[in-house]
Protein backbone atom coordinates (compact mmCIF):
# COMPACT_ATOMS: atom_id res chain seq x y z
CA UNK A 1 0.00 0.00 0.00
CA UNK A 2 2.86 2.37 0.80
CA UNK A 3 4.40 1.66 -2.59
CA UNK A 4 1.11 2.39 -4.35
CA UNK A 5 0.74 5.75 -2.62
CA UNK A 6 4.36 6.66 -3.30
CA UNK A 7 4.02 5.69 -6.98
CA UNK A 8 0.89 7.79 -7.43
CA UNK A 9 2.41 10.84 -5.74
CA UNK A 10 5.76 10.51 -7.53
CA UNK A 11 3.99 10.69 -10.88
CA UNK A 12 2.35 13.99 -9.93
CA UNK A 13 5.25 15.99 -8.50
CA UNK A 14 8.31 17.69 -9.95
CA UNK A 15 10.62 16.41 -7.19
CA UNK A 16 9.80 12.69 -6.84
CA UNK A 17 12.90 12.09 -4.71
CA UNK A 18 11.31 14.14 -1.90
CA UNK A 19 8.15 11.99 -1.72
CA UNK A 20 7.94 9.88 1.42
CA UNK A 21 5.20 7.90 3.11
CA UNK A 22 4.95 7.05 6.79
CA UNK A 23 2.33 4.93 8.51
CA UNK A 24 0.68 4.97 11.88
CA UNK A 25 -2.03 2.86 13.47
CA UNK A 26 -5.25 4.78 13.99
CA UNK A 27 -8.48 3.97 15.78
CA UNK A 28 -10.59 0.90 15.00
CA UNK A 29 -7.87 -0.81 12.95
CA UNK A 30 -7.49 2.05 10.48
CA UNK A 31 -4.00 2.49 9.06
CA UNK A 32 -3.12 6.16 8.54
CA UNK A 33 -0.71 6.95 5.71
CA UNK A 34 1.07 10.30 5.89
CA UNK A 35 2.22 11.52 2.48
CA UNK A 36 5.08 14.02 2.61
CA UNK A 37 6.00 16.02 -0.51
CA UNK A 38 8.11 19.10 -1.20
CA UNK A 39 6.48 22.41 -0.31
CA UNK A 40 6.46 23.45 -3.99
CA UNK A 41 4.64 20.27 -5.00
CA UNK A 42 1.88 20.50 -2.39
CA UNK A 43 -0.52 22.20 -4.82
CA UNK A 44 0.04 19.53 -7.44
CA UNK A 45 -0.87 16.76 -5.02
CA UNK A 46 -3.92 18.54 -3.59
CA UNK A 47 -5.25 19.93 -6.88
CA UNK A 48 -7.96 22.48 -7.50
CA UNK A 49 -10.56 22.28 -4.74
CA UNK A 50 -8.85 19.11 -3.49
CA UNK A 51 -9.90 16.98 -6.44
CA UNK A 52 -6.58 15.16 -6.86
CA UNK A 53 -6.31 14.53 -3.11
CA UNK A 54 -9.83 13.08 -3.13
CA UNK A 55 -8.96 10.86 -6.09
CA UNK A 56 -5.82 9.58 -4.33
CA UNK A 57 -7.89 8.74 -1.26
CA UNK A 58 -10.49 6.91 -3.38
CA UNK A 59 -7.83 4.79 -5.09
CA UNK A 60 -6.18 3.97 -1.77
CA UNK A 61 -9.52 3.01 -0.18
CA UNK A 62 -10.35 0.80 -3.16
CA UNK A 63 -7.01 -0.98 -2.93
CA UNK A 64 -7.41 -1.37 0.82
CA UNK A 65 -10.88 -2.86 0.43
CA UNK A 66 -9.45 -5.57 -1.81
CA UNK A 67 -7.03 -6.46 1.01
CA UNK A 68 -9.67 -6.24 3.78
CA UNK A 69 -8.02 -3.17 5.29
CA UNK A 70 -9.18 0.29 6.29
CA UNK A 71 -6.92 3.19 5.38
CA UNK A 72 -6.84 6.95 5.62
CA UNK A 73 -4.47 9.27 3.72
CA UNK A 74 -3.15 12.49 5.20
CA UNK A 75 -1.16 14.87 3.01
CA UNK A 76 1.52 16.72 4.96
């Protein structure tokens, strides 16, 4: 799952070497993924009105559902 998130974000940004993903266990078995990108690339990952961020979260939730997991994505 971390690799999927990193691959999606790396394709969107200008500085893919600065993309990193950390995980943390949340409540009720939810795994929280923290996506870290360069400050200049933050707008590219979030998108207009958050559309790209929403799409990333949808893809991650769909992949998690196939693996019987619950995930949440935070963009830092």
